[in-house]
Amino acid sequence: MKQAVYFHPALRVLHWLMAAAILMMLFIGVAMVSTVSSAHSLLVSIHKPLGVMILLLVIVRLWLRFTTAKPALPASIPAWQRGMAHLSHWMLYLMMVAQPLIGWAMLSAAGYPVTLGNGIVLPPIVDISNDRYAILRPLHTWVALALFAMIMLHLAAALLHAFVLRDGVFSSMTGHRKP
């Protein structure tokens, strides 16, 4: 596959769309568990379909990642940092797939449907089980916290490449040439 200077335009759009959706999802999740107001049901009604959307988008994004040319990291980046960059990306992908599936399984175990609106209800993916719910509920929280931490590390690395190193890594995802 030919080496690219920039990520495929669809990958760039998905990256930024998913970044906004995932951050919104994380903050909605925090608000959901910390409020008992009437906003709780509104937040839940946003959280479920947004989680399904993120799951579908990450599947499309992974397909594009495997089928399109990608820019190489600059040779100036040490091998161990390139390895950490690849590992962190795969950890992000893993959490982006796992988190909505854990949420879906958690709701299924509790006997709650995953509703997407307009009468669309997803089938349960596990049987109703208090024991399973007792495992999945905290797991959903811990994966959310880990995802948030990984996003913050990803953001810190992106800003390092954009403003300190100015090595083209950041511009490969924005599509803008470095000055």
N, C-alpha and C. Protein backbone atom coordinates (compact mmCIF):
# COMPACT_ATOMS: atom_id res chain seq x y z
N MET A 1 0.84 -1.18 0.00
CA MET A 1 0.00 0.00 0.00
C MET A 1 0.89 1.24 0.00
N LYS A 2 0.52 2.21 -0.80
CA LYS A 2 1.30 3.45 -0.94
C LYS A 2 1.31 4.25 0.37
N GLN A 3 2.45 4.86 0.66
CA GLN A 3 2.59 5.70 1.85
C GLN A 3 1.85 7.02 1.63
N ALA A 4 1.13 7.46 2.63
CA ALA A 4 0.36 8.69 2.53
C ALA A 4 1.03 9.80 3.34
N VAL A 5 0.72 11.04 2.99
CA VAL A 5 1.17 12.19 3.78
C VAL A 5 0.13 12.50 4.85
N TYR A 6 -1.15 12.33 4.46
CA TYR A 6 -2.26 12.58 5.36
C TYR A 6 -3.07 11.30 5.49
N PHE A 7 -3.83 11.21 6.57
CA PHE A 7 -4.80 10.14 6.68
C PHE A 7 -5.91 10.38 5.66
N HIS A 8 -6.56 9.32 5.24
CA HIS A 8 -7.67 9.40 4.30
C HIS A 8 -8.69 10.42 4.84
N PRO A 9 -9.29 11.23 3.95
CA PRO A 9 -10.25 12.24 4.42
C PRO A 9 -11.38 11.67 5.28
N ALA A 10 -11.88 10.49 4.93
CA ALA A 10 -12.94 9.88 5.74
C ALA A 10 -12.43 9.54 7.14
N LEU A 11 -11.18 9.08 7.23
CA LEU A 11 -10.60 8.80 8.55
C LEU A 11 -10.46 10.07 9.37
N ARG A 12 -10.06 11.15 8.71
CA ARG A 12 -9.92 12.42 9.43
C ARG A 12 -11.27 12.91 9.94
N VAL A 13 -12.30 12.83 9.10
CA VAL A 13 -13.64 13.25 9.52
C VAL A 13 -14.13 12.38 10.68
N LEU A 14 -13.96 11.07 10.54
CA LEU A 14 -14.38 10.16 11.61
C LEU A 14 -13.62 10.43 12.91
N HIS A 15 -12.33 10.69 12.80
CA HIS A 15 -11.52 10.97 13.99
C HIS A 15 -12.10 12.13 14.78
N TRP A 16 -12.34 13.25 14.10
CA TRP A 16 -12.81 14.45 14.81
C TRP A 16 -14.27 14.31 15.25
N LEU A 17 -15.10 13.66 14.44
CA LEU A 17 -16.49 13.41 14.83
C LEU A 17 -16.54 12.51 16.07
N MET A 18 -15.72 11.46 16.05
CA MET A 18 -15.71 10.54 17.19
C MET A 18 -15.09 11.19 18.42
N ALA A 19 -14.10 12.04 18.23
CA ALA A 19 -13.51 12.73 19.38
C ALA A 19 -14.59 13.55 20.09
N ALA A 20 -15.37 14.29 19.32
CA ALA A 20 -16.45 15.09 19.91
C ALA A 20 -17.51 14.19 20.55
N ALA A 21 -17.90 13.13 19.86
CA ALA A 21 -18.94 12.23 20.38
C ALA A 21 -18.49 11.53 21.66
N ILE A 22 -17.25 11.07 21.68
CA ILE A 22 -16.77 10.35 22.86
C ILE A 22 -16.63 11.28 24.05
N LEU A 23 -16.10 12.48 23.83
CA LEU A 23 -16.02 13.43 24.95
C LEU A 23 -17.41 13.80 25.45
N MET A 24 -18.35 14.01 24.53
CA MET A 24 -19.72 14.30 24.93
C MET A 24 -20.28 13.13 25.73
N MET A 25 -20.03 11.92 25.26
CA MET A 25 -20.53 10.72 25.92
C MET A 25 -19.97 10.59 27.33
N LEU A 26 -18.68 10.86 27.49
CA LEU A 26 -18.05 10.76 28.80
C LEU A 26 -18.67 11.77 29.78
N PHE A 27 -18.86 13.00 29.32
CA PHE A 27 -19.44 14.02 30.19
C PHE A 27 -20.92 13.74 30.48
N ILE A 28 -21.65 13.23 29.50
CA ILE A 28 -23.05 12.84 29.73
C ILE A 28 -23.09 11.72 30.76
N GLY A 29 -22.17 10.76 30.64
CA GLY A 29 -22.11 9.65 31.60
C GLY A 29 -21.88 10.13 33.02
N VAL A 30 -20.95 11.07 33.18
CA VAL A 30 -20.69 11.64 34.51
C VAL A 30 -21.93 12.35 35.02
N ALA A 31 -22.57 13.13 34.18
CA ALA A 31 -23.78 13.85 34.59
C ALA A 31 -24.90 12.88 34.94
N MET A 32 -25.02 11.78 34.20
CA MET A 32 -26.07 10.80 34.46
C MET A 32 -25.95 10.20 35.86
N VAL A 33 -24.74 9.82 36.23
CA VAL A 33 -24.58 9.14 37.52
C VAL A 33 -24.50 10.12 38.69
N SER A 34 -24.40 11.40 38.40
CA SER A 34 -24.28 12.36 39.49
C SER A 34 -25.51 13.22 39.67
N THR A 35 -26.58 12.92 38.95
CA THR A 35 -27.79 13.73 39.06
C THR A 35 -29.00 12.85 39.34
N VAL A 36 -29.91 13.41 40.08
CA VAL A 36 -31.19 12.74 40.32
C VAL A 36 -32.33 13.62 39.80
N SER A 37 -31.96 14.63 39.04
CA SER A 37 -32.95 15.58 38.54
C SER A 37 -33.72 14.99 37.35
N SER A 38 -34.62 15.78 36.86
CA SER A 38 -35.41 15.36 35.69
C SER A 38 -34.53 15.25 34.44
N ALA A 39 -33.34 15.83 34.47
CA ALA A 39 -32.44 15.74 33.32
C ALA A 39 -31.89 14.33 33.14
N HIS A 40 -31.98 13.50 34.18
CA HIS A 40 -31.42 12.15 34.10
C HIS A 40 -32.01 11.36 32.93
N SER A 41 -33.32 11.36 32.78
CA SER A 41 -33.93 10.57 31.71
C SER A 41 -33.56 11.12 30.33
N LEU A 42 -33.41 12.43 30.22
CA LEU A 42 -32.96 13.02 28.96
C LEU A 42 -31.54 12.57 28.65
N LEU A 43 -30.67 12.60 29.64
CA LEU A 43 -29.28 12.18 29.44
C LEU A 43 -29.20 10.71 29.04
N VAL A 44 -30.00 9.87 29.68
CA VAL A 44 -30.02 8.44 29.33
C VAL A 44 -30.50 8.26 27.89
N SER A 45 -31.51 9.04 27.50
CA SER A 45 -32.06 8.91 26.14
C SER A 45 -31.05 9.36 25.08
N ILE A 46 -30.07 10.18 25.46
CA ILE A 46 -29.00 10.58 24.54
C ILE A 46 -27.85 9.56 24.60
N HIS A 47 -27.55 9.09 25.80
CA HIS A 47 -26.40 8.22 26.04
C HIS A 47 -26.48 6.91 25.27
N LYS A 48 -27.63 6.27 25.29
CA LYS A 48 -27.76 4.96 24.63
C LYS A 48 -27.54 5.03 23.12
N PRO A 49 -28.28 5.87 22.37
CA PRO A 49 -28.04 5.89 20.92
C PRO A 49 -26.67 6.44 20.55
N LEU A 50 -26.14 7.36 21.36
CA LEU A 50 -24.80 7.88 21.10
C LEU A 50 -23.76 6.77 21.25
N GLY A 51 -23.94 5.90 22.23
CA GLY A 51 -23.04 4.76 22.40
C GLY A 51 -23.09 3.82 21.21
N VAL A 52 -24.28 3.56 20.71
CA VAL A 52 -24.43 2.69 19.53
C VAL A 52 -23.80 3.36 18.31
N MET A 53 -24.00 4.67 18.17
CA MET A 53 -23.40 5.40 17.05
C MET A 53 -21.87 5.29 17.11
N ILE A 54 -21.30 5.47 18.29
CA ILE A 54 -19.85 5.38 18.44
C ILE A 54 -19.36 3.98 18.07
N LEU A 55 -20.08 2.96 18.51
CA LEU A 55 -19.70 1.58 18.16
C LEU A 55 -19.71 1.38 16.65
N LEU A 56 -20.74 1.84 15.98
CA LEU A 56 -20.82 1.70 14.52
C LEU A 56 -19.71 2.50 13.83
N LEU A 57 -19.46 3.72 14.31
CA LEU A 57 -18.42 4.54 13.70
C LEU A 57 -17.03 3.95 13.90
N VAL A 58 -16.77 3.36 15.05
CA VAL A 58 -15.43 2.78 15.26
C VAL A 58 -15.24 1.55 14.37
N ILE A 59 -16.30 0.82 14.09
CA ILE A 59 -16.19 -0.32 13.18
C ILE A 59 -15.85 0.17 11.77
N VAL A 60 -16.53 1.22 11.32
CA VAL A 60 -16.23 1.82 10.01
C VAL A 60 -14.80 2.36 10.01
N ARG A 61 -14.43 3.00 11.10
CA ARG A 61 -13.08 3.59 11.20
C ARG A 61 -12.00 2.51 11.15
N LEU A 62 -12.21 1.41 11.83
CA LEU A 62 -11.23 0.31 11.77
C LEU A 62 -11.13 -0.25 10.36
N TRP A 63 -12.27 -0.40 9.69
CA TRP A 63 -12.25 -0.90 8.32
C TRP A 63 -11.43 0.05 7.44
N LEU A 64 -11.67 1.36 7.56
CA LEU A 64 -10.90 2.33 6.78
C LEU A 64 -9.42 2.30 7.15
N ARG A 65 -9.15 2.12 8.41
CA ARG A 65 -7.74 2.09 8.89
C ARG A 65 -6.98 0.94 8.23
N PHE A 66 -7.66 -0.18 8.03
CA PHE A 66 -7.01 -1.33 7.41
C PHE A 66 -6.98 -1.28 5.89
N THR A 67 -7.82 -0.45 5.29
CA THR A 67 -7.94 -0.46 3.83
C THR A 67 -7.40 0.79 3.13
N THR A 68 -6.90 1.75 3.90
CA THR A 68 -6.37 2.96 3.28
C THR A 68 -4.91 3.16 3.68
N ALA A 69 -4.20 3.92 2.86
CA ALA A 69 -2.80 4.23 3.15
C ALA A 69 -2.73 5.16 4.36
N LYS A 70 -1.69 4.97 5.16
CA LYS A 70 -1.50 5.79 6.36
C LYS A 70 -0.13 6.45 6.32
N PRO A 71 -0.03 7.66 6.86
CA PRO A 71 1.29 8.29 6.91
C PRO A 71 2.17 7.61 7.96
N ALA A 72 3.43 7.49 7.64
CA ALA A 72 4.38 6.91 8.60
C ALA A 72 4.76 7.97 9.62
N LEU A 73 5.10 7.52 10.80
CA LEU A 73 5.62 8.45 11.80
C LEU A 73 7.02 8.89 11.35
N PRO A 74 7.41 10.11 11.67
CA PRO A 74 8.74 10.59 11.25
C PRO A 74 9.86 9.72 11.82
N ALA A 75 10.92 9.59 11.06
CA ALA A 75 12.08 8.81 11.49
C ALA A 75 12.73 9.42 12.73
N SER A 76 12.48 10.69 12.99
CA SER A 76 13.05 11.37 14.16
C SER A 76 12.45 10.87 15.48
N ILE A 77 11.33 10.17 15.39
CA ILE A 77 10.69 9.63 16.60
C ILE A 77 11.37 8.31 16.94
N PRO A 78 11.89 8.18 18.15
CA PRO A 78 12.56 6.93 18.54
C PRO A 78 11.63 5.72 18.43
N ALA A 79 12.21 4.57 18.19
CA ALA A 79 11.43 3.34 17.99
C ALA A 79 10.51 3.05 19.17
N TRP A 80 10.97 3.27 20.39
CA TRP A 80 10.12 2.97 21.54
C TRP A 80 8.91 3.90 21.59
N GLN A 81 9.07 5.14 21.14
CA GLN A 81 7.93 6.07 21.10
C GLN A 81 6.97 5.68 19.98
N ARG A 82 7.48 5.23 18.85
CA ARG A 82 6.61 4.75 17.78
C ARG A 82 5.81 3.54 18.28
N GLY A 83 6.49 2.66 19.01
CA GLY A 83 5.81 1.49 19.57
C GLY A 83 4.71 1.89 20.56
N MET A 84 5.01 2.87 21.41
CA MET A 84 4.01 3.35 22.37
C MET A 84 2.85 4.03 21.65
N ALA A 85 3.14 4.75 20.57
CA ALA A 85 2.08 5.40 19.80
C ALA A 85 1.13 4.36 19.21
N HIS A 86 1.70 3.30 18.63
CA HIS A 86 0.87 2.24 18.05
C HIS A 86 0.07 1.52 19.14
N LEU A 87 0.72 1.22 20.25
CA LEU A 87 0.04 0.56 21.36
C LEU A 87 -1.11 1.42 21.88
N SER A 88 -0.86 2.71 22.05
CA SER A 88 -1.92 3.58 22.58
C SER A 88 -3.09 3.69 21.61
N HIS A 89 -2.81 3.69 20.32
CA HIS A 89 -3.91 3.74 19.35
C HIS A 89 -4.75 2.47 19.42
N TRP A 90 -4.11 1.32 19.52
CA TRP A 90 -4.86 0.07 19.59
C TRP A 90 -5.63 -0.03 20.91
N MET A 91 -5.07 0.54 21.99
CA MET A 91 -5.81 0.57 23.25
C MET A 91 -7.04 1.46 23.12
N LEU A 92 -6.89 2.59 22.43
CA LEU A 92 -8.05 3.46 22.19
C LEU A 92 -9.12 2.72 21.39
N TYR A 93 -8.71 2.05 20.32
CA TYR A 93 -9.68 1.30 19.52
C TYR A 93 -10.37 0.23 20.36
N LEU A 94 -9.58 -0.50 21.15
CA LEU A 94 -10.15 -1.55 21.99
C LEU A 94 -11.20 -0.98 22.94
N MET A 95 -10.87 0.13 23.59
CA MET A 95 -11.82 0.73 24.53
C MET A 95 -13.03 1.32 23.81
N MET A 96 -12.83 1.87 22.60
CA MET A 96 -13.96 2.43 21.85
C MET A 96 -14.94 1.34 21.41
N VAL A 97 -14.44 0.12 21.21
CA VAL A 97 -15.32 -1.00 20.88
C VAL A 97 -15.91 -1.60 22.16
N ALA A 98 -15.06 -1.79 23.17
CA ALA A 98 -15.50 -2.46 24.40
C ALA A 98 -16.52 -1.65 25.18
N GLN A 99 -16.31 -0.35 25.29
CA GLN A 99 -17.17 0.46 26.17
C GLN A 99 -18.64 0.39 25.79
N PRO A 100 -19.02 0.60 24.53
CA PRO A 100 -20.45 0.49 24.22
C PRO A 100 -20.98 -0.94 24.37
N LEU A 101 -20.12 -1.94 24.07
CA LEU A 101 -20.57 -3.33 24.25
C LEU A 101 -20.77 -3.66 25.72
N ILE A 102 -19.89 -3.15 26.58
CA ILE A 102 -20.05 -3.36 28.02
C ILE A 102 -21.33 -2.67 28.50
N GLY A 103 -21.57 -1.45 28.03
CA GLY A 103 -22.80 -0.75 28.40
C GLY A 103 -24.04 -1.49 27.96
N TRP A 104 -24.03 -2.00 26.75
CA TRP A 104 -25.15 -2.76 26.21
C TRP A 104 -25.36 -4.03 27.04
N ALA A 105 -24.27 -4.73 27.32
CA ALA A 105 -24.37 -5.95 28.13
C ALA A 105 -24.86 -5.64 29.54
N MET A 106 -24.38 -4.53 30.11
CA MET A 106 -24.80 -4.12 31.45
C MET A 106 -26.31 -3.89 31.49
N LEU A 107 -26.82 -3.14 30.51
CA LEU A 107 -28.25 -2.89 30.45
C LEU A 107 -29.04 -4.17 30.21
N SER A 108 -28.51 -5.04 29.36
CA SER A 108 -29.16 -6.33 29.12
C SER A 108 -29.24 -7.15 30.40
N ALA A 109 -28.14 -7.19 31.16
CA ALA A 109 -28.10 -7.95 32.41
C ALA A 109 -29.08 -7.39 33.43
N ALA A 110 -29.31 -6.08 33.37
CA ALA A 110 -30.26 -5.44 34.30
C ALA A 110 -31.70 -5.55 33.81
N GLY A 111 -31.89 -6.02 32.59
CA GLY A 111 -33.24 -6.13 32.04
C GLY A 111 -33.76 -4.86 31.41
N TYR A 112 -32.85 -3.91 31.13
CA TYR A 112 -33.24 -2.65 30.51
C TYR A 112 -32.94 -2.71 29.01
N PRO A 113 -33.88 -2.27 28.19
CA PRO A 113 -33.63 -2.29 26.75
C PRO A 113 -32.73 -1.14 26.31
N VAL A 114 -31.99 -1.37 25.24
CA VAL A 114 -31.23 -0.28 24.61
C VAL A 114 -32.12 0.25 23.50
N THR A 115 -32.67 1.44 23.75
CA THR A 115 -33.60 2.06 22.80
C THR A 115 -32.89 3.15 22.03
N LEU A 116 -33.16 3.19 20.74
CA LEU A 116 -32.52 4.17 19.86
C LEU A 116 -33.47 5.24 19.39
N GLY A 117 -34.70 5.19 19.81
CA GLY A 117 -35.71 6.15 19.35
C GLY A 117 -36.51 5.57 18.21
N ASN A 118 -37.64 6.20 17.95
CA ASN A 118 -38.55 5.76 16.88
C ASN A 118 -38.93 4.29 17.01
N GLY A 119 -39.00 3.80 18.24
CA GLY A 119 -39.40 2.42 18.48
C GLY A 119 -38.33 1.38 18.20
N ILE A 120 -37.12 1.81 17.91
CA ILE A 120 -36.04 0.85 17.65
C ILE A 120 -35.43 0.43 18.99
N VAL A 121 -35.51 -0.87 19.24
CA VAL A 121 -34.97 -1.44 20.48
C VAL A 121 -34.02 -2.56 20.09
N LEU A 122 -32.79 -2.48 20.59
CA LEU A 122 -31.81 -3.52 20.31
C LEU A 122 -32.07 -4.74 21.18
N PRO A 123 -31.79 -5.92 20.66
CA PRO A 123 -32.00 -7.12 21.47
C PRO A 123 -30.96 -7.20 22.59
N PRO A 124 -31.29 -7.86 23.69
CA PRO A 124 -30.30 -8.02 24.76
C PRO A 124 -29.15 -8.89 24.25
N ILE A 125 -27.94 -8.61 24.75
CA ILE A 125 -26.78 -9.41 24.32
C ILE A 125 -26.31 -10.37 25.41
N VAL A 126 -26.88 -10.25 26.61
CA VAL A 126 -26.67 -11.23 27.67
C VAL A 126 -28.00 -11.43 28.39
N ASP A 127 -28.10 -12.54 29.09
CA ASP A 127 -29.31 -12.81 29.88
C ASP A 127 -29.36 -11.91 31.11
N ILE A 128 -30.57 -11.72 31.62
CA ILE A 128 -30.73 -10.95 32.85
C ILE A 128 -30.03 -11.68 33.98
N SER A 129 -29.17 -10.94 34.69
CA SER A 129 -28.40 -11.55 35.78
C SER A 129 -27.88 -10.46 36.71
N ASN A 130 -28.31 -10.51 37.96
CA ASN A 130 -27.80 -9.54 38.93
C ASN A 130 -26.29 -9.69 39.12
N ASP A 131 -25.80 -10.91 39.11
CA ASP A 131 -24.36 -11.14 39.28
C ASP A 131 -23.58 -10.54 38.12
N ARG A 132 -24.06 -10.75 36.91
CA ARG A 132 -23.38 -10.20 35.73
C ARG A 132 -23.44 -8.67 35.76
N TYR A 133 -24.60 -8.11 36.13
CA TYR A 133 -24.75 -6.66 36.23
C TYR A 133 -23.77 -6.11 37.27
N ALA A 134 -23.60 -6.81 38.37
CA ALA A 134 -22.70 -6.36 39.44
C ALA A 134 -21.24 -6.29 38.97
N ILE A 135 -20.91 -7.04 37.96
CA ILE A 135 -19.55 -6.99 37.37
C ILE A 135 -19.48 -5.91 36.29
N LEU A 136 -20.50 -5.87 35.44
CA LEU A 136 -20.48 -4.96 34.29
C LEU A 136 -20.63 -3.50 34.67
N ARG A 137 -21.40 -3.20 35.71
CA ARG A 137 -21.62 -1.79 36.08
C ARG A 137 -20.32 -1.09 36.45
N PRO A 138 -19.52 -1.64 37.39
CA PRO A 138 -18.25 -0.96 37.69
C PRO A 138 -17.26 -1.05 36.52
N LEU A 139 -17.32 -2.14 35.75
CA LEU A 139 -16.43 -2.26 34.60
C LEU A 139 -16.69 -1.13 33.60
N HIS A 140 -17.96 -0.79 33.39
CA HIS A 140 -18.33 0.30 32.49
C HIS A 140 -17.70 1.62 32.97
N THR A 141 -17.74 1.82 34.28
CA THR A 141 -17.14 3.03 34.86
C THR A 141 -15.63 3.02 34.70
N TRP A 142 -14.99 1.90 35.00
CA TRP A 142 -13.52 1.83 34.94
C TRP A 142 -13.01 1.98 33.50
N VAL A 143 -13.71 1.40 32.55
CA VAL A 143 -13.29 1.55 31.15
C VAL A 143 -13.49 3.01 30.71
N ALA A 144 -14.56 3.65 31.18
CA ALA A 144 -14.78 5.07 30.85
C ALA A 144 -13.64 5.92 31.41
N LEU A 145 -13.23 5.66 32.63
CA LEU A 145 -12.12 6.40 33.22
C LEU A 145 -10.82 6.15 32.48
N ALA A 146 -10.57 4.90 32.13
CA ALA A 146 -9.36 4.56 31.38
C ALA A 146 -9.38 5.20 29.99
N LEU A 147 -10.55 5.21 29.36
CA LEU A 147 -10.68 5.84 28.05
C LEU A 147 -10.41 7.34 28.15
N PHE A 148 -10.95 7.97 29.18
CA PHE A 148 -10.72 9.40 29.37
C PHE A 148 -9.22 9.67 29.58
N ALA A 149 -8.58 8.87 30.40
CA ALA A 149 -7.14 9.04 30.65
C ALA A 149 -6.34 8.84 29.36
N MET A 150 -6.71 7.85 28.57
CA MET A 150 -6.00 7.59 27.31
C MET A 150 -6.23 8.73 26.32
N ILE A 151 -7.43 9.29 26.31
CA ILE A 151 -7.71 10.43 25.44
C ILE A 151 -6.86 11.64 25.85
N MET A 152 -6.72 11.85 27.14
CA MET A 152 -5.89 12.97 27.61
C MET A 152 -4.43 12.77 27.22
N LEU A 153 -3.93 11.54 27.30
CA LEU A 153 -2.56 11.26 26.84
C LEU A 153 -2.43 11.47 25.34
N HIS A 154 -3.43 11.03 24.60
CA HIS A 154 -3.46 11.21 23.15
C HIS A 154 -3.46 12.70 22.79
N LEU A 155 -4.26 13.46 23.50
CA LEU A 155 -4.32 14.91 23.28
C LEU A 155 -2.98 15.56 23.61
N ALA A 156 -2.37 15.15 24.71
CA ALA A 156 -1.06 15.72 25.08
C ALA A 156 -0.02 15.42 24.00
N ALA A 157 -0.02 14.20 23.49
CA ALA A 157 0.92 13.85 22.42
C ALA A 157 0.63 14.65 21.15
N ALA A 158 -0.65 14.80 20.82
CA ALA A 158 -1.02 15.57 19.63
C ALA A 158 -0.55 17.02 19.75
N LEU A 159 -0.74 17.62 20.92
CA LEU A 159 -0.30 19.00 21.13
C LEU A 159 1.22 19.11 21.10
N LEU A 160 1.91 18.11 21.62
CA LEU A 160 3.37 18.09 21.54
C LEU A 160 3.83 18.10 20.08
N HIS A 161 3.21 17.25 19.26
CA HIS A 161 3.56 17.19 17.84
C HIS A 161 3.18 18.47 17.11
N ALA A 162 2.05 19.07 17.49
CA ALA A 162 1.57 20.27 16.80
C ALA A 162 2.39 21.50 17.13
N PHE A 163 2.70 21.70 18.40
CA PHE A 163 3.27 22.98 18.82
C PHE A 163 4.73 22.94 19.24
N VAL A 164 5.26 21.77 19.57
CA VAL A 164 6.66 21.70 19.99
C VAL A 164 7.51 21.06 18.90
N LEU A 165 7.16 19.83 18.52
CA LEU A 165 7.96 19.12 17.53
C LEU A 165 7.70 19.61 16.11
N ARG A 166 6.49 19.98 15.81
CA ARG A 166 6.09 20.46 14.47
C ARG A 166 6.63 19.54 13.37
N ASP A 167 6.36 18.26 13.57
CA ASP A 167 6.94 17.24 12.70
C ASP A 167 5.97 16.65 11.68
N GLY A 168 4.77 17.23 11.56
CA GLY A 168 3.81 16.76 10.57
C GLY A 168 2.85 15.71 11.07
N VAL A 169 3.08 15.17 12.27
CA VAL A 169 2.19 14.13 12.79
C VAL A 169 0.78 14.70 13.00
N PHE A 170 0.69 15.85 13.63
CA PHE A 170 -0.62 16.47 13.87
C PHE A 170 -1.30 16.85 12.56
N SER A 171 -0.55 17.43 11.65
CA SER A 171 -1.15 17.86 10.37
C SER A 171 -1.62 16.67 9.53
N SER A 172 -1.07 15.48 9.77
CA SER A 172 -1.53 14.31 9.02
C SER A 172 -2.98 13.98 9.36
N MET A 173 -3.45 14.41 10.54
CA MET A 173 -4.84 14.17 10.92
C MET A 173 -5.72 15.38 10.68
N THR A 174 -5.14 16.56 10.56
CA THR A 174 -5.96 17.75 10.27
C THR A 174 -6.05 18.01 8.77
N GLY A 175 -5.08 17.53 8.03
CA GLY A 175 -5.06 17.77 6.59
C GLY A 175 -4.45 19.09 6.21
N HIS A 176 -3.90 19.79 7.16
CA HIS A 176 -3.24 21.08 6.88
C HIS A 176 -1.74 20.92 6.89
N ARG A 177 -1.11 21.54 5.92
CA ARG A 177 0.35 21.49 5.86
C ARG A 177 0.94 22.29 7.00
N LYS A 178 2.05 21.80 7.52
CA LYS A 178 2.71 22.56 8.59
C LYS A 178 3.36 23.80 7.96
N PRO A 179 3.41 24.89 8.75
CA PRO A 179 3.96 26.15 8.18
C PRO A 179 5.44 26.05 7.90
